[in-house]
Amino acid sequence: MTCNDVYLHICDNLDRDLESPECREIKVHLASCPDCQGVLQSLKKTVDLYRAAPTPGVPGPVHERLLNLMDREWSGVRASRKERGK
């Protein structure tokens, strides 16, 4: 496995079984490649920072307008389905 292979597949394999053949190959490569170890550490830090960031809230008036809009749109969808007999 080359560094390019690791770069292309490391994100794809974050949610996979860590004992899959591809993940094992990545681990073997990482054990001997400081550059790829740095990429992995940077990726882990990015994920940690993202998870630690506060989730922005929606202000009350905006939330109410959004709910009203969704309700109106959904009412239109339901009416349209009734007209078509679905």
PDB file of N, CA and C in Angstrom:
ATOM      1  N   MET A   1       0.863  -1.176   0.000  1.00  0.00           N
ATOM      2  CA  MET A   1       0.000   0.000   0.000  1.00  0.00           C
ATOM      3  C   MET A   1       0.900   1.227   0.000  1.00  0.00           C
ATOM      4  N   THR A   2       0.546   2.205  -0.814  1.00  0.00           N
ATOM      5  CA  THR A   2       1.316   3.443  -0.917  1.00  0.00           C
ATOM      6  C   THR A   2       0.651   4.555  -0.106  1.00  0.00           C
ATOM      7  N   CYS A   3       1.372   5.652   0.057  1.00  0.00           N
ATOM      8  CA  CYS A   3       0.808   6.817   0.754  1.00  0.00           C
ATOM      9  C   CYS A   3      -0.456   7.292   0.039  1.00  0.00           C
ATOM     10  N   ASN A   4      -0.418   7.297  -1.287  1.00  0.00           N
ATOM     11  CA  ASN A   4      -1.585   7.736  -2.046  1.00  0.00           C
ATOM     12  C   ASN A   4      -2.791   6.843  -1.755  1.00  0.00           C
ATOM     13  N   ASP A   5      -2.567   5.535  -1.662  1.00  0.00           N
ATOM     14  CA  ASP A   5      -3.656   4.614  -1.311  1.00  0.00           C
ATOM     15  C   ASP A   5      -4.236   4.965   0.054  1.00  0.00           C
ATOM     16  N   VAL A   6      -3.360   5.240   1.001  1.00  0.00           N
ATOM     17  CA  VAL A   6      -3.810   5.594   2.347  1.00  0.00           C
ATOM     18  C   VAL A   6      -4.623   6.880   2.292  1.00  0.00           C
ATOM     19  N   TYR A   7      -4.112   7.903   1.590  1.00  0.00           N
ATOM     20  CA  TYR A   7      -4.832   9.171   1.490  1.00  0.00           C
ATOM     21  C   TYR A   7      -6.215   8.981   0.892  1.00  0.00           C
ATOM     22  N   LEU A   8      -6.302   8.129  -0.132  1.00  0.00           N
ATOM     23  CA  LEU A   8      -7.577   7.918  -0.808  1.00  0.00           C
ATOM     24  C   LEU A   8      -8.573   7.123   0.022  1.00  0.00           C
ATOM     25  N   HIS A   9      -8.083   6.260   0.894  1.00  0.00           N
ATOM     26  CA  HIS A   9      -8.975   5.326   1.574  1.00  0.00           C
ATOM     27  C   HIS A   9      -9.136   5.549   3.074  1.00  0.00           C
ATOM     28  N   ILE A  10      -8.338   6.398   3.661  1.00  0.00           N
ATOM     29  CA  ILE A  10      -8.386   6.524   5.122  1.00  0.00           C
ATOM     30  C   ILE A  10      -9.734   7.064   5.589  1.00  0.00           C
ATOM     31  N   CYS A  11     -10.290   8.054   4.916  1.00  0.00           N
ATOM     32  CA  CYS A  11     -11.600   8.589   5.312  1.00  0.00           C
ATOM     33  C   CYS A  11     -12.708   7.589   5.008  1.00  0.00           C
ATOM     34  N   ASP A  12     -12.586   6.894   3.900  1.00  0.00           N
ATOM     35  CA  ASP A  12     -13.589   5.896   3.537  1.00  0.00           C
ATOM     36  C   ASP A  12     -13.678   4.788   4.570  1.00  0.00           C
ATOM     37  N   ASN A  13     -12.605   4.539   5.280  1.00  0.00           N
ATOM     38  CA  ASN A  13     -12.550   3.408   6.196  1.00  0.00           C
ATOM     39  C   ASN A  13     -12.728   3.794   7.655  1.00  0.00           C
ATOM     40  N   LEU A  14     -13.026   5.060   7.921  1.00  0.00           N
ATOM     41  CA  LEU A  14     -13.183   5.483   9.309  1.00  0.00           C
ATOM     42  C   LEU A  14     -14.334   4.776   9.996  1.00  0.00           C
ATOM     43  N   ASP A  15     -15.374   4.447   9.255  1.00  0.00           N
ATOM     44  CA  ASP A  15     -16.536   3.826   9.872  1.00  0.00           C
ATOM     45  C   ASP A  15     -16.628   2.326   9.594  1.00  0.00           C
ATOM     46  N   ARG A  16     -15.591   1.760   9.035  1.00  0.00           N
ATOM     47  CA  ARG A  16     -15.607   0.332   8.720  1.00  0.00           C
ATOM     48  C   ARG A  16     -15.001  -0.492   9.849  1.00  0.00           C
ATOM     49  N   ASP A  17     -15.166  -1.787   9.719  1.00  0.00           N
ATOM     50  CA  ASP A  17     -14.578  -2.735  10.649  1.00  0.00           C
ATOM     51  C   ASP A  17     -13.063  -2.559  10.631  1.00  0.00           C
ATOM     52  N   LEU A  18     -12.490  -2.286  11.781  1.00  0.00           N
ATOM     53  CA  LEU A  18     -11.056  -2.013  11.857  1.00  0.00           C
ATOM     54  C   LEU A  18     -10.196  -3.235  11.565  1.00  0.00           C
ATOM     55  N   GLU A  19     -10.807  -4.384  11.452  1.00  0.00           N
ATOM     56  CA  GLU A  19     -10.054  -5.594  11.149  1.00  0.00           C
ATOM     57  C   GLU A  19     -10.248  -6.048   9.709  1.00  0.00           C
ATOM     58  N   SER A  20     -10.858  -5.216   8.867  1.00  0.00           N
ATOM     59  CA  SER A  20     -11.019  -5.581   7.464  1.00  0.00           C
ATOM     60  C   SER A  20      -9.632  -5.649   6.820  1.00  0.00           C
ATOM     61  N   PRO A  21      -9.487  -6.405   5.729  1.00  0.00           N
ATOM     62  CA  PRO A  21      -8.177  -6.495   5.070  1.00  0.00           C
ATOM     63  C   PRO A  21      -7.611  -5.132   4.679  1.00  0.00           C
ATOM     64  N   GLU A  22      -8.456  -4.241   4.156  1.00  0.00           N
ATOM     65  CA  GLU A  22      -7.978  -2.915   3.759  1.00  0.00           C
ATOM     66  C   GLU A  22      -7.488  -2.116   4.966  1.00  0.00           C
ATOM     67  N   CYS A  23      -8.223  -2.184   6.076  1.00  0.00           N
ATOM     68  CA  CYS A  23      -7.803  -1.463   7.280  1.00  0.00           C
ATOM     69  C   CYS A  23      -6.499  -2.028   7.836  1.00  0.00           C
ATOM     70  N   ARG A  24      -6.347  -3.336   7.759  1.00  0.00           N
ATOM     71  CA  ARG A  24      -5.084  -3.939   8.227  1.00  0.00           C
ATOM     72  C   ARG A  24      -3.913  -3.452   7.385  1.00  0.00           C
ATOM     73  N   GLU A  25      -4.118  -3.346   6.073  1.00  0.00           N
ATOM     74  CA  GLU A  25      -3.051  -2.841   5.197  1.00  0.00           C
ATOM     75  C   GLU A  25      -2.714  -1.392   5.546  1.00  0.00           C
ATOM     76  N   ILE A  26      -3.731  -0.595   5.815  1.00  0.00           N
ATOM     77  CA  ILE A  26      -3.506   0.800   6.195  1.00  0.00           C
ATOM     78  C   ILE A  26      -2.707   0.860   7.490  1.00  0.00           C
ATOM     79  N   LYS A  27      -3.072   0.024   8.471  1.00  0.00           N
ATOM     80  CA  LYS A  27      -2.348   0.008   9.749  1.00  0.00           C
ATOM     81  C   LYS A  27      -0.881  -0.357   9.556  1.00  0.00           C
ATOM     82  N   VAL A  28      -0.610  -1.346   8.705  1.00  0.00           N
ATOM     83  CA  VAL A  28       0.776  -1.750   8.439  1.00  0.00           C
ATOM     84  C   VAL A  28       1.538  -0.583   7.829  1.00  0.00           C
ATOM     85  N   HIS A  29       0.926   0.090   6.869  1.00  0.00           N
ATOM     86  CA  HIS A  29       1.578   1.230   6.238  1.00  0.00           C
ATOM     87  C   HIS A  29       1.817   2.346   7.257  1.00  0.00           C
ATOM     88  N   LEU A  30       0.807   2.641   8.061  1.00  0.00           N
ATOM     89  CA  LEU A  30       0.929   3.721   9.050  1.00  0.00           C
ATOM     90  C   LEU A  30       2.056   3.454  10.046  1.00  0.00           C
ATOM     91  N   ALA A  31       2.268   2.204  10.366  1.00  0.00           N
ATOM     92  CA  ALA A  31       3.302   1.860  11.343  1.00  0.00           C
ATOM     93  C   ALA A  31       4.691   2.270  10.874  1.00  0.00           C
ATOM     94  N   SER A  32       4.874   2.381   9.554  1.00  0.00           N
ATOM     95  CA  SER A  32       6.210   2.691   9.051  1.00  0.00           C
ATOM     96  C   SER A  32       6.295   3.999   8.274  1.00  0.00           C
ATOM     97  N   CYS A  33       5.227   4.790   8.260  1.00  0.00           N
ATOM     98  CA  CYS A  33       5.231   6.016   7.464  1.00  0.00           C
ATOM     99  C   CYS A  33       4.862   7.230   8.318  1.00  0.00           C
ATOM    100  N   PRO A  34       5.860   8.018   8.698  1.00  0.00           N
ATOM    101  CA  PRO A  34       5.582   9.202   9.514  1.00  0.00           C
ATOM    102  C   PRO A  34       4.683  10.231   8.820  1.00  0.00           C
ATOM    103  N   ASP A  35       4.783  10.342   7.499  1.00  0.00           N
ATOM    104  CA  ASP A  35       3.932  11.301   6.781  1.00  0.00           C
ATOM    105  C   ASP A  35       2.461  10.927   6.917  1.00  0.00           C
ATOM    106  N   CYS A  36       2.151   9.671   6.719  1.00  0.00           N
ATOM    107  CA  CYS A  36       0.767   9.218   6.836  1.00  0.00           C
ATOM    108  C   CYS A  36       0.291   9.258   8.286  1.00  0.00           C
ATOM    109  N   GLN A  37       1.199   9.020   9.221  1.00  0.00           N
ATOM    110  CA  GLN A  37       0.845   9.152  10.636  1.00  0.00           C
ATOM    111  C   GLN A  37       0.428  10.587  10.923  1.00  0.00           C
ATOM    112  N   GLY A  38       1.138  11.546  10.335  1.00  0.00           N
ATOM    113  CA  GLY A  38       0.795  12.959  10.508  1.00  0.00           C
ATOM    114  C   GLY A  38      -0.561  13.287   9.920  1.00  0.00           C
ATOM    115  N   VAL A  39      -0.861  12.730   8.747  1.00  0.00           N
ATOM    116  CA  VAL A  39      -2.165  12.952   8.122  1.00  0.00           C
ATOM    117  C   VAL A  39      -3.264  12.392   9.021  1.00  0.00           C
ATOM    118  N   LEU A  40      -3.053  11.193   9.547  1.00  0.00           N
ATOM    119  CA  LEU A  40      -4.053  10.574  10.417  1.00  0.00           C
ATOM    120  C   LEU A  40      -4.263  11.401  11.682  1.00  0.00           C
ATOM    121  N   GLN A  41      -3.172  11.861  12.296  1.00  0.00           N
ATOM    122  CA  GLN A  41      -3.304  12.678  13.505  1.00  0.00           C
ATOM    123  C   GLN A  41      -4.041  13.975  13.216  1.00  0.00           C
ATOM    124  N   SER A  42      -3.751  14.587  12.075  1.00  0.00           N
ATOM    125  CA  SER A  42      -4.443  15.816  11.688  1.00  0.00           C
ATOM    126  C   SER A  42      -5.935  15.553  11.480  1.00  0.00           C
ATOM    127  N   LEU A  43      -6.251  14.442  10.842  1.00  0.00           N
ATOM    128  CA  LEU A  43      -7.640  14.080  10.619  1.00  0.00           C
ATOM    129  C   LEU A  43      -8.358  13.846  11.941  1.00  0.00           C
ATOM    130  N   LYS A  44      -7.703  13.153  12.860  1.00  0.00           N
ATOM    131  CA  LYS A  44      -8.300  12.902  14.180  1.00  0.00           C
ATOM    132  C   LYS A  44      -8.548  14.208  14.923  1.00  0.00           C
ATOM    133  N   LYS A  45      -7.589  15.135  14.865  1.00  0.00           N
ATOM    134  CA  LYS A  45      -7.762  16.430  15.524  1.00  0.00           C
ATOM    135  C   LYS A  45      -8.931  17.201  14.917  1.00  0.00           C
ATOM    136  N   THR A  46      -9.048  17.153  13.585  1.00  0.00           N
ATOM    137  CA  THR A  46     -10.143  17.833  12.907  1.00  0.00           C
ATOM    138  C   THR A  46     -11.487  17.287  13.366  1.00  0.00           C
ATOM    139  N   VAL A  47     -11.594  15.972  13.435  1.00  0.00           N
ATOM    140  CA  VAL A  47     -12.838  15.339  13.876  1.00  0.00           C
ATOM    141  C   VAL A  47     -13.130  15.717  15.327  1.00  0.00           C
ATOM    142  N   ASP A  48     -12.116  15.692  16.182  1.00  0.00           N
ATOM    143  CA  ASP A  48     -12.301  16.060  17.590  1.00  0.00           C
ATOM    144  C   ASP A  48     -12.764  17.512  17.731  1.00  0.00           C
ATOM    145  N   LEU A  49     -12.153  18.417  16.959  1.00  0.00           N
ATOM    146  CA  LEU A  49     -12.554  19.823  17.019  1.00  0.00           C
ATOM    147  C   LEU A  49     -13.988  20.002  16.547  1.00  0.00           C
ATOM    148  N   TYR A  50     -14.353  19.302  15.491  1.00  0.00           N
ATOM    149  CA  TYR A  50     -15.717  19.382  14.982  1.00  0.00           C
ATOM    150  C   TYR A  50     -16.712  18.898  16.032  1.00  0.00           C
ATOM    151  N   ARG A  51     -16.386  17.783  16.672  1.00  0.00           N
ATOM    152  CA  ARG A  51     -17.292  17.231  17.686  1.00  0.00           C
ATOM    153  C   ARG A  51     -17.404  18.143  18.907  1.00  0.00           C
ATOM    154  N   ALA A  52     -16.336  18.864  19.223  1.00  0.00           N
ATOM    155  CA  ALA A  52     -16.327  19.722  20.406  1.00  0.00           C
ATOM    156  C   ALA A  52     -16.983  21.081  20.153  1.00  0.00           C
ATOM    157  N   ALA A  53     -17.161  21.437  18.889  1.00  0.00           N
ATOM    158  CA  ALA A  53     -17.736  22.747  18.564  1.00  0.00           C
ATOM    159  C   ALA A  53     -19.207  22.781  18.980  1.00  0.00           C
ATOM    160  N   PRO A  54     -19.631  23.902  19.537  1.00  0.00           N
ATOM    161  CA  PRO A  54     -21.037  24.001  19.937  1.00  0.00           C
ATOM    162  C   PRO A  54     -21.954  24.003  18.712  1.00  0.00           C
ATOM    163  N   THR A  55     -23.093  23.423  18.887  1.00  0.00           N
ATOM    164  CA  THR A  55     -24.094  23.414  17.826  1.00  0.00           C
ATOM    165  C   THR A  55     -24.870  24.717  17.898  1.00  0.00           C
ATOM    166  N   PRO A  56     -24.869  25.466  16.809  1.00  0.00           N
ATOM    167  CA  PRO A  56     -25.597  26.737  16.854  1.00  0.00           C
ATOM    168  C   PRO A  56     -27.098  26.500  16.970  1.00  0.00           C
ATOM    169  N   GLY A  57     -27.732  27.335  17.748  1.00  0.00           N
ATOM    170  CA  GLY A  57     -29.175  27.233  17.912  1.00  0.00           C
ATOM    171  C   GLY A  57     -29.892  28.127  16.916  1.00  0.00           C
ATOM    172  N   VAL A  58     -31.160  27.854  16.736  1.00  0.00           N
ATOM    173  CA  VAL A  58     -31.994  28.681  15.867  1.00  0.00           C
ATOM    174  C   VAL A  58     -32.797  29.606  16.774  1.00  0.00           C
ATOM    175  N   PRO A  59     -32.720  30.910  16.551  1.00  0.00           N
ATOM    176  CA  PRO A  59     -33.483  31.843  17.382  1.00  0.00           C
ATOM    177  C   PRO A  59     -34.975  31.516  17.342  1.00  0.00           C
ATOM    178  N   GLY A  60     -35.668  31.746  18.456  1.00  0.00           N
ATOM    179  CA  GLY A  60     -37.086  31.430  18.597  1.00  0.00           C
ATOM    180  C   GLY A  60     -37.965  31.878  17.453  1.00  0.00           C
ATOM    181  N   PRO A  61     -37.918  33.164  17.063  1.00  0.00           N
ATOM    182  CA  PRO A  61     -38.788  33.626  15.975  1.00  0.00           C
ATOM    183  C   PRO A  61     -38.492  32.912  14.647  1.00  0.00           C
ATOM    184  N   VAL A  62     -37.244  32.656  14.381  1.00  0.00           N
ATOM    185  CA  VAL A  62     -36.878  31.963  13.146  1.00  0.00           C
ATOM    186  C   VAL A  62     -37.397  30.529  13.197  1.00  0.00           C
ATOM    187  N   HIS A  63     -37.270  29.899  14.353  1.00  0.00           N
ATOM    188  CA  HIS A  63     -37.759  28.530  14.540  1.00  0.00           C
ATOM    189  C   HIS A  63     -39.265  28.466  14.290  1.00  0.00           C
ATOM    190  N   GLU A  64     -40.007  29.412  14.836  1.00  0.00           N
ATOM    191  CA  GLU A  64     -41.454  29.450  14.635  1.00  0.00           C
ATOM    192  C   GLU A  64     -41.815  29.631  13.167  1.00  0.00           C
ATOM    193  N   ARG A  65     -41.124  30.567  12.480  1.00  0.00           N
ATOM    194  CA  ARG A  65     -41.404  30.785  11.059  1.00  0.00           C
ATOM    195  C   ARG A  65     -41.101  29.533  10.246  1.00  0.00           C
ATOM    196  N   LEU A  66     -40.038  28.874  10.578  1.00  0.00           N
ATOM    197  CA  LEU A  66     -39.672  27.650   9.875  1.00  0.00           C
ATOM    198  C   LEU A  66     -40.726  26.562  10.080  1.00  0.00           C
ATOM    199  N   LEU A  67     -41.168  26.393  11.313  1.00  0.00           N
ATOM    200  CA  LEU A  67     -42.205  25.390  11.581  1.00  0.00           C
ATOM    201  C   LEU A  67     -43.497  25.715  10.847  1.00  0.00           C
ATOM    202  N   ASN A  68     -43.875  27.000  10.824  1.00  0.00           N
ATOM    203  CA  ASN A  68     -45.087  27.406  10.112  1.00  0.00           C
ATOM    204  C   ASN A  68     -44.959  27.144   8.605  1.00  0.00           C
ATOM    205  N   LEU A  69     -43.807  27.468   8.055  1.00  0.00           N
ATOM    206  CA  LEU A  69     -43.570  27.227   6.633  1.00  0.00           C
ATOM    207  C   LEU A  69     -43.642  25.733   6.318  1.00  0.00           C
ATOM    208  N   MET A  70     -43.001  24.923   7.154  1.00  0.00           N
ATOM    209  CA  MET A  70     -43.026  23.475   6.941  1.00  0.00           C
ATOM    210  C   MET A  70     -44.446  22.939   7.050  1.00  0.00           C
ATOM    211  N   ASP A  71     -45.217  23.460   7.995  1.00  0.00           N
ATOM    212  CA  ASP A  71     -46.598  23.020   8.159  1.00  0.00           C
ATOM    213  C   ASP A  71     -47.429  23.371   6.924  1.00  0.00           C
ATOM    214  N   ARG A  72     -47.265  24.599   6.404  1.00  0.00           N
ATOM    215  CA  ARG A  72     -47.994  25.004   5.198  1.00  0.00           C
ATOM    216  C   ARG A  72     -47.606  24.130   4.006  1.00  0.00           C
ATOM    217  N   GLU A  73     -46.307  23.883   3.854  1.00  0.00           N
ATOM    218  CA  GLU A  73     -45.845  23.063   2.735  1.00  0.00           C
ATOM    219  C   GLU A  73     -46.367  21.639   2.861  1.00  0.00           C
ATOM    220  N   TRP A  74     -46.306  21.088   4.052  1.00  0.00           N
ATOM    221  CA  TRP A  74     -46.778  19.717   4.260  1.00  0.00           C
ATOM    222  C   TRP A  74     -48.289  19.629   4.033  1.00  0.00           C
ATOM    223  N   SER A  75     -49.018  20.668   4.432  1.00  0.00           N
ATOM    224  CA  SER A  75     -50.461  20.688   4.181  1.00  0.00           C
ATOM    225  C   SER A  75     -50.735  20.652   2.681  1.00  0.00           C
ATOM    226  N   GLY A  76     -49.955  21.379   1.906  1.00  0.00           N
ATOM    227  CA  GLY A  76     -50.090  21.376   0.457  1.00  0.00           C
ATOM    228  C   GLY A  76     -49.789  20.013  -0.143  1.00  0.00           C
ATOM    229  N   VAL A  77     -48.788  19.339   0.387  1.00  0.00           N
ATOM    230  CA  VAL A  77     -48.435  17.997  -0.097  1.00  0.00           C
ATOM    231  C   VAL A  77     -49.570  17.027   0.207  1.00  0.00           C
ATOM    232  N   ARG A  78     -50.105  17.103   1.415  1.00  0.00           N
ATOM    233  CA  ARG A  78     -51.204  16.195   1.787  1.00  0.00           C
ATOM    234  C   ARG A  78     -52.427  16.444   0.912  1.00  0.00           C
ATOM    235  N   ALA A  79     -52.745  17.724   0.662  1.00  0.00           N
ATOM    236  CA  ALA A  79     -53.908  18.055  -0.168  1.00  0.00           C
ATOM    237  C   ALA A  79     -53.693  17.544  -1.593  1.00  0.00           C
ATOM    238  N   SER A  80     -52.497  17.704  -2.105  1.00  0.00           N
ATOM    239  CA  SER A  80     -52.188  17.249  -3.458  1.00  0.00           C
ATOM    240  C   SER A  80     -52.317  15.733  -3.566  1.00  0.00           C
ATOM    241  N   ARG A  81     -51.882  15.029  -2.560  1.00  0.00           N
ATOM    242  CA  ARG A  81     -51.990  13.563  -2.555  1.00  0.00           C
ATOM    243  C   ARG A  81     -53.446  13.115  -2.503  1.00  0.00           C
ATOM    244  N   LYS A  82     -54.248  13.839  -1.715  1.00  0.00           N
ATOM    245  CA  LYS A  82     -55.676  13.493  -1.629  1.00  0.00           C
ATOM    246  C   LYS A  82     -56.334  13.666  -2.985  1.00  0.00           C
ATOM    247  N   GLU A  83     -56.003  14.752  -3.670  1.00  0.00           N
ATOM    248  CA  GLU A  83     -56.581  15.024  -4.990  1.00  0.00           C
ATOM    249  C   GLU A  83     -56.227  13.931  -5.986  1.00  0.00           C
ATOM    250  N   ARG A  84     -54.997  13.407  -5.873  1.00  0.00           N
ATOM    251  CA  ARG A  84     -54.566  12.365  -6.807  1.00  0.00           C
ATOM    252  C   ARG A  84     -54.984  10.970  -6.334  1.00  0.00           C
ATOM    253  N   GLY A  85     -55.558  10.888  -5.133  1.00  0.00           N
ATOM    254  CA  GLY A  85     -56.004   9.604  -4.602  1.00  0.00           C
ATOM    255  C   GLY A  85     -54.876   8.729  -4.095  1.00  0.00           C
ATOM    256  N   LYS A  86     -53.815   9.350  -3.627  1.00  0.00           N
ATOM    257  CA  LYS A  86     -52.654   8.585  -3.104  1.00  0.00           C
ATOM    258  C   LYS A  86     -52.566   8.688  -1.623  1.00  0.00           C
TER     259      LYS A  86
END
